[in-house]
PDB file of N, CA and C in Angstrom:
ATOM      1  N   MET A   1       0.963  -1.077  -0.148  1.00  0.00           N
ATOM      2  CA  MET A   1       0.117   0.028   0.011  1.00  0.00           C
ATOM      3  C   MET A   1       1.003   1.465   0.078  1.00  0.00           C
ATOM      4  N   GLN A   2       0.285   2.178  -0.848  1.00  0.00           N
ATOM      5  CA  GLN A   2       1.228   3.246  -0.935  1.00  0.00           C
ATOM      6  C   GLN A   2       1.276   4.483   0.345  1.00  0.00           C
ATOM      7  N   THR A   3       2.334   5.245   0.765  1.00  0.00           N
ATOM      8  CA  THR A   3       2.457   5.652   2.015  1.00  0.00           C
ATOM      9  C   THR A   3       1.457   6.518   1.976  1.00  0.00           C
ATOM     10  N   VAL A   4       0.961   7.395   1.006  1.00  0.00           N
ATOM     11  CA  VAL A   4       0.104   8.385   1.072  1.00  0.00           C
ATOM     12  C   VAL A   4      -1.240   7.809   1.173  1.00  0.00           C
ATOM     13  N   ASN A   5      -1.614   6.358   1.293  1.00  0.00           N
ATOM     14  CA  ASN A   5      -2.949   5.764   1.236  1.00  0.00           C
ATOM     15  C   ASN A   5      -2.945   5.738   2.760  1.00  0.00           C
ATOM     16  N   LEU A   6      -1.541   5.173   3.314  1.00  0.00           N
ATOM     17  CA  LEU A   6      -1.625   4.693   4.813  1.00  0.00           C
ATOM     18  C   LEU A   6      -1.454   6.127   5.561  1.00  0.00           C
ATOM     19  N   LEU A   7      -1.101   7.007   5.142  1.00  0.00           N
ATOM     20  CA  LEU A   7      -1.537   8.363   5.996  1.00  0.00           C
ATOM     21  C   LEU A   7      -2.939   8.741   5.875  1.00  0.00           C
ATOM     22  N   GLY A   8      -3.675   8.710   4.807  1.00  0.00           N
ATOM     23  CA  GLY A   8      -5.054   8.905   4.546  1.00  0.00           C
ATOM     24  C   GLY A   8      -5.732   7.988   5.718  1.00  0.00           C
ATOM     25  N   LEU A   9      -5.358   6.849   5.780  1.00  0.00           N
ATOM     26  CA  LEU A   9      -6.133   5.705   6.424  1.00  0.00           C
ATOM     27  C   LEU A   9      -6.089   6.066   7.927  1.00  0.00           C
ATOM     28  N   ALA A  10      -4.645   6.321   8.272  1.00  0.00           N
ATOM     29  CA  ALA A  10      -4.238   7.095   9.599  1.00  0.00           C
ATOM     30  C   ALA A  10      -5.133   8.323  10.095  1.00  0.00           C
ATOM     31  N   ALA A  11      -5.354   9.045   9.015  1.00  0.00           N
ATOM     32  CA  ALA A  11      -5.866  10.208   9.178  1.00  0.00           C
ATOM     33  C   ALA A  11      -7.611   9.945   9.731  1.00  0.00           C
ATOM     34  N   GLY A  12      -8.092   9.203   8.702  1.00  0.00           N
ATOM     35  CA  GLY A  12      -9.501   8.725   8.882  1.00  0.00           C
ATOM     36  C   GLY A  12      -9.671   7.975  10.056  1.00  0.00           C
ATOM     37  N   LEU A  13      -8.836   7.018  10.465  1.00  0.00           N
ATOM     38  CA  LEU A  13      -8.976   6.374  11.569  1.00  0.00           C
ATOM     39  C   LEU A  13      -9.110   7.102  12.936  1.00  0.00           C
ATOM     40  N   LEU A  14      -8.330   8.304  13.065  1.00  0.00           N
ATOM     41  CA  LEU A  14      -8.034   9.221  14.228  1.00  0.00           C
ATOM     42  C   LEU A  14      -9.375   9.974  14.189  1.00  0.00           C
ATOM     43  N   THR A  15      -9.748  10.627  13.128  1.00  0.00           N
ATOM     44  CA  THR A  15     -11.026  11.581  13.092  1.00  0.00           C
ATOM     45  C   THR A  15     -12.394  10.776  13.353  1.00  0.00           C
ATOM     46  N   THR A  16     -12.424   9.839  12.904  1.00  0.00           N
ATOM     47  CA  THR A  16     -13.510   8.873  13.063  1.00  0.00           C
ATOM     48  C   THR A  16     -13.756   8.411  14.450  1.00  0.00           C
ATOM     49  N   VAL A  17     -12.353   7.947  15.116  1.00  0.00           N
ATOM     50  CA  VAL A  17     -12.565   7.219  16.345  1.00  0.00           C
ATOM     51  C   VAL A  17     -12.850   8.520  17.207  1.00  0.00           C
ATOM     52  N   ALA A  18     -12.321   9.671  16.986  1.00  0.00           N
ATOM     53  CA  ALA A  18     -12.738  10.755  17.698  1.00  0.00           C
ATOM     54  C   ALA A  18     -14.322  11.028  18.097  1.00  0.00           C
ATOM     55  N   PHE A  19     -14.945  10.526  17.402  1.00  0.00           N
ATOM     56  CA  PHE A  19     -16.585  10.480  17.495  1.00  0.00           C
ATOM     57  C   PHE A  19     -17.090   9.509  18.433  1.00  0.00           C
ATOM     58  N   LEU A  20     -16.176   8.550  18.742  1.00  0.00           N
ATOM     59  CA  LEU A  20     -16.776   7.437  19.572  1.00  0.00           C
ATOM     60  C   LEU A  20     -17.141   7.831  20.814  1.00  0.00           C
ATOM     61  N   PRO A  21     -16.279   8.351  21.709  1.00  0.00           N
ATOM     62  CA  PRO A  21     -16.758   8.983  22.849  1.00  0.00           C
ATOM     63  C   PRO A  21     -17.986   9.636  23.110  1.00  0.00           C
ATOM     64  N   GLN A  22     -18.257  10.406  21.994  1.00  0.00           N
ATOM     65  CA  GLN A  22     -19.044  11.364  22.024  1.00  0.00           C
ATOM     66  C   GLN A  22     -20.828  10.825  21.955  1.00  0.00           C
ATOM     67  N   VAL A  23     -20.525   9.671  20.892  1.00  0.00           N
ATOM     68  CA  VAL A  23     -21.657   8.659  20.986  1.00  0.00           C
ATOM     69  C   VAL A  23     -21.789   7.757  22.058  1.00  0.00           C
ATOM     70  N   ALA A  24     -20.651   7.369  22.701  1.00  0.00           N
ATOM     71  CA  ALA A  24     -21.187   6.646  23.873  1.00  0.00           C
ATOM     72  C   ALA A  24     -21.386   7.710  25.182  1.00  0.00           C
ATOM     73  N   LYS A  25     -20.781   8.786  25.322  1.00  0.00           N
ATOM     74  CA  LYS A  25     -21.546   9.759  25.936  1.00  0.00           C
ATOM     75  C   LYS A  25     -23.178  10.262  25.617  1.00  0.00           C
ATOM     76  N   THR A  26     -23.527  10.554  24.848  1.00  0.00           N
ATOM     77  CA  THR A  26     -24.912  10.453  24.587  1.00  0.00           C
ATOM     78  C   THR A  26     -25.710   9.579  24.786  1.00  0.00           C
ATOM     79  N   TRP A  27     -25.219   8.370  24.311  1.00  0.00           N
ATOM     80  CA  TRP A  27     -25.904   7.230  24.802  1.00  0.00           C
ATOM     81  C   TRP A  27     -26.049   7.017  26.269  1.00  0.00           C
ATOM     82  N   LYS A  28     -25.111   7.012  26.858  1.00  0.00           N
ATOM     83  CA  LYS A  28     -25.344   6.825  28.330  1.00  0.00           C
ATOM     84  C   LYS A  28     -26.046   8.075  29.582  1.00  0.00           C
ATOM     85  N   THR A  29     -25.716   9.033  28.874  1.00  0.00           N
ATOM     86  CA  THR A  29     -26.319  10.392  29.759  1.00  0.00           C
ATOM     87  C   THR A  29     -28.118  10.343  29.064  1.00  0.00           C
ATOM     88  N   ARG A  30     -28.301   9.966  27.851  1.00  0.00           N
ATOM     89  CA  ARG A  30     -29.552  10.243  27.330  1.00  0.00           C
ATOM     90  C   ARG A  30     -29.703  11.372  26.892  1.00  0.00           C
ATOM     91  N   SER A  31     -28.970  12.172  26.646  1.00  0.00           N
ATOM     92  CA  SER A  31     -28.883  13.765  26.115  1.00  0.00           C
ATOM     93  C   SER A  31     -28.043  14.196  25.260  1.00  0.00           C
ATOM     94  N   ALA A  32     -28.356  15.082  24.427  1.00  0.00           N
ATOM     95  CA  ALA A  32     -27.473  15.693  23.430  1.00  0.00           C
ATOM     96  C   ALA A  32     -27.698  16.917  23.482  1.00  0.00           C
ATOM     97  N   ASP A  33     -28.103  17.434  24.624  1.00  0.00           N
ATOM     98  CA  ASP A  33     -28.693  18.952  24.561  1.00  0.00           C
ATOM     99  C   ASP A  33     -27.559  20.019  24.466  1.00  0.00           C
ATOM    100  N   ASP A  34     -26.304  19.573  24.631  1.00  0.00           N
ATOM    101  CA  ASP A  34     -25.186  20.577  24.447  1.00  0.00           C
ATOM    102  C   ASP A  34     -24.444  20.437  23.354  1.00  0.00           C
ATOM    103  N   LEU A  35     -25.193  19.680  22.307  1.00  0.00           N
ATOM    104  CA  LEU A  35     -24.970  19.678  20.625  1.00  0.00           C
ATOM    105  C   LEU A  35     -25.758  20.294  20.112  1.00  0.00           C
ATOM    106  N   SER A  36     -24.985  21.358  19.121  1.00  0.00           N
ATOM    107  CA  SER A  36     -26.208  22.121  18.196  1.00  0.00           C
ATOM    108  C   SER A  36     -26.367  21.307  17.210  1.00  0.00           C
ATOM    109  N   THR A  37     -27.417  21.186  17.096  1.00  0.00           N
ATOM    110  CA  THR A  37     -28.467  20.461  16.041  1.00  0.00           C
ATOM    111  C   THR A  37     -27.766  20.847  14.518  1.00  0.00           C
ATOM    112  N   GLY A  38     -27.661  22.530  14.534  1.00  0.00           N
ATOM    113  CA  GLY A  38     -26.885  23.019  13.052  1.00  0.00           C
ATOM    114  C   GLY A  38     -25.623  22.734  12.791  1.00  0.00           C
ATOM    115  N   MET A  39     -24.774  22.408  13.826  1.00  0.00           N
ATOM    116  CA  MET A  39     -23.471  21.975  13.640  1.00  0.00           C
ATOM    117  C   MET A  39     -23.579  20.799  13.067  1.00  0.00           C
ATOM    118  N   LEU A  40     -24.350  19.821  13.843  1.00  0.00           N
ATOM    119  CA  LEU A  40     -24.392  18.146  13.249  1.00  0.00           C
ATOM    120  C   LEU A  40     -25.267  18.416  12.076  1.00  0.00           C
ATOM    121  N   LEU A  41     -26.012  19.155  11.783  1.00  0.00           N
ATOM    122  CA  LEU A  41     -26.749  18.762   9.942  1.00  0.00           C
ATOM    123  C   LEU A  41     -25.151  19.512   9.303  1.00  0.00           C
ATOM    124  N   LEU A  42     -24.724  20.638   9.446  1.00  0.00           N
ATOM    125  CA  LEU A  42     -23.711  21.176   8.600  1.00  0.00           C
ATOM    126  C   LEU A  42     -22.498  20.107   8.180  1.00  0.00           C
ATOM    127  N   PHE A  43     -22.084  19.349   9.308  1.00  0.00           N
ATOM    128  CA  PHE A  43     -20.911  18.524   9.606  1.00  0.00           C
ATOM    129  C   PHE A  43     -21.366  17.276   8.759  1.00  0.00           C
ATOM    130  N   SER A  44     -22.670  16.787   9.146  1.00  0.00           N
ATOM    131  CA  SER A  44     -23.030  15.726   8.201  1.00  0.00           C
ATOM    132  C   SER A  44     -22.994  15.810   6.850  1.00  0.00           C
ATOM    133  N   THR A  45     -23.794  16.911   6.351  1.00  0.00           N
ATOM    134  CA  THR A  45     -24.022  17.654   4.926  1.00  0.00           C
ATOM    135  C   THR A  45     -22.125  17.378   4.447  1.00  0.00           C
ATOM    136  N   GLY A  46     -21.306  18.060   5.096  1.00  0.00           N
ATOM    137  CA  GLY A  46     -20.023  18.279   4.739  1.00  0.00           C
ATOM    138  C   GLY A  46     -19.580  16.702   4.653  1.00  0.00           C
ATOM    139  N   LEU A  47     -19.542  15.855   5.615  1.00  0.00           N
ATOM    140  CA  LEU A  47     -19.443  14.643   5.229  1.00  0.00           C
ATOM    141  C   LEU A  47     -19.936  13.807   4.104  1.00  0.00           C
ATOM    142  N   LEU A  48     -21.026  14.038   3.769  1.00  0.00           N
ATOM    143  CA  LEU A  48     -21.612  13.362   2.639  1.00  0.00           C
ATOM    144  C   LEU A  48     -21.139  13.594   1.385  1.00  0.00           C
ATOM    145  N   LEU A  49     -20.819  15.420   1.304  1.00  0.00           N
ATOM    146  CA  LEU A  49     -20.046  15.719  -0.042  1.00  0.00           C
ATOM    147  C   LEU A  49     -18.459  15.184  -0.044  1.00  0.00           C
ATOM    148  N   TRP A  50     -17.845  15.105   1.133  1.00  0.00           N
ATOM    149  CA  TRP A  50     -16.785  14.228   1.413  1.00  0.00           C
ATOM    150  C   TRP A  50     -16.707  12.825   0.572  1.00  0.00           C
ATOM    151  N   LEU A  51     -17.990  12.183   1.046  1.00  0.00           N
ATOM    152  CA  LEU A  51     -18.132  10.766   0.739  1.00  0.00           C
ATOM    153  C   LEU A  51     -18.233  10.820  -0.470  1.00  0.00           C
ATOM    154  N   LEU A  52     -19.106  11.420  -1.316  1.00  0.00           N
ATOM    155  CA  LEU A  52     -19.300  11.677  -2.668  1.00  0.00           C
ATOM    156  C   LEU A  52     -17.944  11.838  -3.496  1.00  0.00           C
ATOM    157  N   TYR A  53     -17.162  12.680  -3.066  1.00  0.00           N
ATOM    158  CA  TYR A  53     -15.819  13.255  -3.628  1.00  0.00           C
ATOM    159  C   TYR A  53     -14.912  12.010  -3.543  1.00  0.00           C
ATOM    160  N   GLY A  54     -14.938  11.202  -2.326  1.00  0.00           N
ATOM    161  CA  GLY A  54     -14.059  10.223  -2.272  1.00  0.00           C
ATOM    162  C   GLY A  54     -14.501   8.933  -3.358  1.00  0.00           C
ATOM    163  N   LEU A  55     -15.765   9.001  -3.301  1.00  0.00           N
ATOM    164  CA  LEU A  55     -16.311   8.001  -4.510  1.00  0.00           C
ATOM    165  C   LEU A  55     -15.909   8.411  -6.132  1.00  0.00           C
ATOM    166  N   ALA A  56     -15.916   9.686  -5.884  1.00  0.00           N
ATOM    167  CA  ALA A  56     -15.845  10.383  -7.598  1.00  0.00           C
ATOM    168  C   ALA A  56     -14.156  10.293  -7.784  1.00  0.00           C
ATOM    169  N   ILE A  57     -13.165  10.095  -6.796  1.00  0.00           N
ATOM    170  CA  ILE A  57     -11.955  10.065  -7.096  1.00  0.00           C
ATOM    171  C   ILE A  57     -11.380   8.539  -6.717  1.00  0.00           C
ATOM    172  N   GLN A  58     -12.134   7.825  -6.301  1.00  0.00           N
ATOM    173  CA  GLN A  58     -11.956   6.267  -5.831  1.00  0.00           C
ATOM    174  C   GLN A  58     -11.151   6.418  -4.725  1.00  0.00           C
ATOM    175  N   ALA A  59     -11.119   7.083  -3.854  1.00  0.00           N
ATOM    176  CA  ALA A  59     -10.078   7.303  -2.624  1.00  0.00           C
ATOM    177  C   ALA A  59     -10.532   6.605  -1.356  1.00  0.00           C
ATOM    178  N   LEU A  60     -10.081   5.571  -1.624  1.00  0.00           N
ATOM    179  CA  LEU A  60     -10.727   4.310  -0.324  1.00  0.00           C
ATOM    180  C   LEU A  60     -10.630   5.042   1.446  1.00  0.00           C
ATOM    181  N   PRO A  61      -9.004   5.882   1.638  1.00  0.00           N
ATOM    182  CA  PRO A  61      -9.202   6.067   2.782  1.00  0.00           C
ATOM    183  C   PRO A  61     -10.384   7.605   2.746  1.00  0.00           C
ATOM    184  N   VAL A  62     -10.796   8.218   1.756  1.00  0.00           N
ATOM    185  CA  VAL A  62     -11.730   9.432   2.362  1.00  0.00           C
ATOM    186  C   VAL A  62     -13.121   8.668   2.478  1.00  0.00           C
ATOM    187  N   VAL A  63     -13.563   7.373   1.573  1.00  0.00           N
ATOM    188  CA  VAL A  63     -14.802   6.865   1.451  1.00  0.00           C
ATOM    189  C   VAL A  63     -14.582   6.371   2.590  1.00  0.00           C
ATOM    190  N   LEU A  64     -14.007   5.415   3.311  1.00  0.00           N
ATOM    191  CA  LEU A  64     -14.191   4.696   4.781  1.00  0.00           C
ATOM    192  C   LEU A  64     -14.223   5.901   5.942  1.00  0.00           C
ATOM    193  N   ALA A  65     -13.497   6.451   6.018  1.00  0.00           N
ATOM    194  CA  ALA A  65     -13.544   7.836   7.017  1.00  0.00           C
ATOM    195  C   ALA A  65     -15.028   8.525   7.036  1.00  0.00           C
ATOM    196  N   ASN A  66     -15.206   8.821   5.783  1.00  0.00           N
ATOM    197  CA  ASN A  66     -16.568   9.802   5.601  1.00  0.00           C
ATOM    198  C   ASN A  66     -17.671   8.917   6.050  1.00  0.00           C
ATOM    199  N   ALA A  67     -17.796   7.635   5.330  1.00  0.00           N
ATOM    200  CA  ALA A  67     -18.980   6.837   5.769  1.00  0.00           C
ATOM    201  C   ALA A  67     -18.943   6.435   6.910  1.00  0.00           C
ATOM    202  N   VAL A  68     -18.001   6.040   7.766  1.00  0.00           N
ATOM    203  CA  VAL A  68     -18.218   5.535   9.243  1.00  0.00           C
ATOM    204  C   VAL A  68     -18.466   7.025   9.734  1.00  0.00           C
ATOM    205  N   THR A  69     -17.883   8.006   9.804  1.00  0.00           N
ATOM    206  CA  THR A  69     -17.844   9.448  10.645  1.00  0.00           C
ATOM    207  C   THR A  69     -19.387   9.874  10.142  1.00  0.00           C
ATOM    208  N   LEU A  70     -20.078   9.620   9.359  1.00  0.00           N
ATOM    209  CA  LEU A  70     -21.169  10.157   8.620  1.00  0.00           C
ATOM    210  C   LEU A  70     -22.633   9.072   9.235  1.00  0.00           C
ATOM    211  N   LEU A  71     -22.070   7.677   9.805  1.00  0.00           N
ATOM    212  CA  LEU A  71     -23.150   6.971  10.367  1.00  0.00           C
ATOM    213  C   LEU A  71     -22.912   7.155  11.816  1.00  0.00           C
ATOM    214  N   LEU A  72     -21.698   7.606  12.488  1.00  0.00           N
ATOM    215  CA  LEU A  72     -21.523   8.170  13.752  1.00  0.00           C
ATOM    216  C   LEU A  72     -22.429   9.648  14.064  1.00  0.00           C
ATOM    217  N   THR A  73     -22.123  10.306  13.139  1.00  0.00           N
ATOM    218  CA  THR A  73     -22.648  11.653  13.643  1.00  0.00           C
ATOM    219  C   THR A  73     -24.496  11.435  13.013  1.00  0.00           C
ATOM    220  N   GLY A  74     -25.009  10.629  12.605  1.00  0.00           N
ATOM    221  CA  GLY A  74     -26.167  10.183  12.489  1.00  0.00           C
ATOM    222  C   GLY A  74     -26.566   9.423  13.258  1.00  0.00           C
ATOM    223  N   ALA A  75     -25.790   9.226  13.769  1.00  0.00           N
ATOM    224  CA  ALA A  75     -26.272   8.084  15.293  1.00  0.00           C
ATOM    225  C   ALA A  75     -26.434   9.150  16.453  1.00  0.00           C
ATOM    226  N   ILE A  76     -25.671  10.316  16.559  1.00  0.00           N
ATOM    227  CA  ILE A  76     -25.926  11.138  17.237  1.00  0.00           C
ATOM    228  C   ILE A  76     -27.066  11.969  17.282  1.00  0.00           C
ATOM    229  N   LEU A  77     -27.335  12.355  15.956  1.00  0.00           N
ATOM    230  CA  LEU A  77     -28.746  13.215  15.644  1.00  0.00           C
ATOM    231  C   LEU A  77     -30.102  12.510  15.847  1.00  0.00           C
ATOM    232  N   VAL A  78     -29.599  10.796  15.785  1.00  0.00           N
ATOM    233  CA  VAL A  78     -30.781  10.283  15.767  1.00  0.00           C
ATOM    234  C   VAL A  78     -31.367  10.630  17.647  1.00  0.00           C
ATOM    235  N   MET A  79     -30.461  10.286  18.278  1.00  0.00           N
ATOM    236  CA  MET A  79     -30.195  10.244  19.900  1.00  0.00           C
ATOM    237  C   MET A  79     -30.588  11.708  20.315  1.00  0.00           C
ATOM    238  N   LYS A  80     -30.059  12.811  19.496  1.00  0.00           N
ATOM    239  CA  LYS A  80     -30.370  13.728  19.782  1.00  0.00           C
ATOM    240  C   LYS A  80     -31.947  14.297  19.760  1.00  0.00           C
ATOM    241  N   TRP A  81     -32.595  13.511  18.752  1.00  0.00           N
ATOM    242  CA  TRP A  81     -34.013  13.839  18.138  1.00  0.00           C
ATOM    243  C   TRP A  81     -34.949  12.955  19.443  1.00  0.00           C
ATOM    244  N   ARG A  82     -34.576  11.844  19.567  1.00  0.00           N
ATOM    245  CA  ARG A  82     -35.138  10.854  20.418  1.00  0.00           C
ATOM    246  C   ARG A  82     -35.154  11.028  21.759  1.00  0.00           C
ATOM    247  N   PHE A  83     -33.970  11.716  22.259  1.00  0.00           N
ATOM    248  CA  PHE A  83     -33.818  11.780  23.917  1.00  0.00           C
ATOM    249  C   PHE A  83     -34.496  13.166  23.841  1.00  0.00           C
ATOM    250  N   GLY A  84     -34.369  14.143  23.077  1.00  0.00           N
ATOM    251  CA  GLY A  84     -35.040  15.397  23.553  1.00  0.00           C
ATOM    252  C   GLY A  84     -36.506  15.681  23.212  1.00  0.00           C
ATOM    253  N   ARG A  85     -36.867  14.469  23.000  1.00  0.00           N
ATOM    254  CA  ARG A  85     -38.604  14.615  22.611  1.00  0.00           C
ATOM    255  C   ARG A  85     -39.424  14.782  23.952  1.00  0.00           C
ATOM    256  N   ALA A  86     -39.035  14.277  25.000  1.00  0.00           N
ATOM    257  CA  ALA A  86     -39.570  14.194  26.382  1.00  0.00           C
ATOM    258  C   ALA A  86     -38.865  15.196  27.425  1.00  0.00           C
ATOM    259  N   PRO A  87     -39.433  15.874  28.206  1.00  0.00           N
ATOM    260  CA  PRO A  87     -38.777  16.290  29.329  1.00  0.00           C
ATOM    261  C   PRO A  87     -37.737  15.363  30.217  1.00  0.00           C
ATOM    262  N   ARG A  88     -36.549  15.903  30.729  1.00  0.00           N
ATOM    263  CA  ARG A  88     -36.131  14.704  31.416  1.00  0.00           C
ATOM    264  C   ARG A  88     -36.999  14.867  32.564  1.00  0.00           C
ATOM    265  N   GLY A  89     -36.729  13.621  33.307  1.00  0.00           N
ATOM    266  CA  GLY A  89     -37.499  13.417  34.086  1.00  0.00           C
ATOM    267  C   GLY A  89     -39.209  13.015  34.067  1.00  0.00           C
ATOM    268  N   ALA A  90     -39.786  13.062  32.994  1.00  0.00           N
ATOM    269  CA  ALA A  90     -41.395  13.198  32.662  1.00  0.00           C
ATOM    270  C   ALA A  90     -41.347  11.731  33.008  1.00  0.00           C
ATOM    271  N   ASP A  91     -40.869  10.597  32.753  1.00  0.00           N
ATOM    272  CA  ASP A  91     -41.329   9.400  32.889  1.00  0.00           C
ATOM    273  C   ASP A  91     -41.542   9.162  34.541  1.00  0.00           C
ATOM    274  N   LYS A  92     -41.054  10.022  35.222  1.00  0.00           N
ATOM    275  CA  LYS A  92     -40.703   9.593  36.727  1.00  0.00           C
ATOM    276  C   LYS A  92     -42.340   9.650  37.447  1.00  0.00           C
ATOM    277  N   ASP A  93     -42.735   8.780  38.032  1.00  0.00           N
ATOM    278  CA  ASP A  93     -43.962   8.941  38.886  1.00  0.00           C
ATOM    279  C   ASP A  93     -43.768  10.441  39.951  1.00  0.00           C
ATOM    280  N   VAL A  94     -44.547  11.222  39.730  1.00  0.00           N
ATOM    281  CA  VAL A  94     -44.456  12.283  40.328  1.00  0.00           C
ATOM    282  C   VAL A  94     -45.601  11.962  41.499  1.00  0.00           C
ATOM    283  N   GLY A  95     -45.592  12.173  42.929  1.00  0.00           N
ATOM    284  CA  GLY A  95     -47.035  12.029  43.473  1.00  0.00           C
ATOM    285  C   GLY A  95     -47.112  12.943  44.580  1.00  0.00           C
TER     286      GLY A  95
END
């Protein structure tokens, strides 16, 4: 494998893995209130464009990194929507 592809794979791995703690924290706390929906939507759009670009130029590191990061960001967006629908503590019995 060419050195430039290894460099791209390493960069993609690090930037993709960087999202795992946020996904885990969002899942654990059941809250994504501190994350901006606008930022997540813009970032996801950028990832989609990078993914399409990577496909167009047939660059495996670009495709892999952006596809996985797009899935992780999508998971955060879904959790933000699902966990944000009911007020915290709404399921607790108030007596």
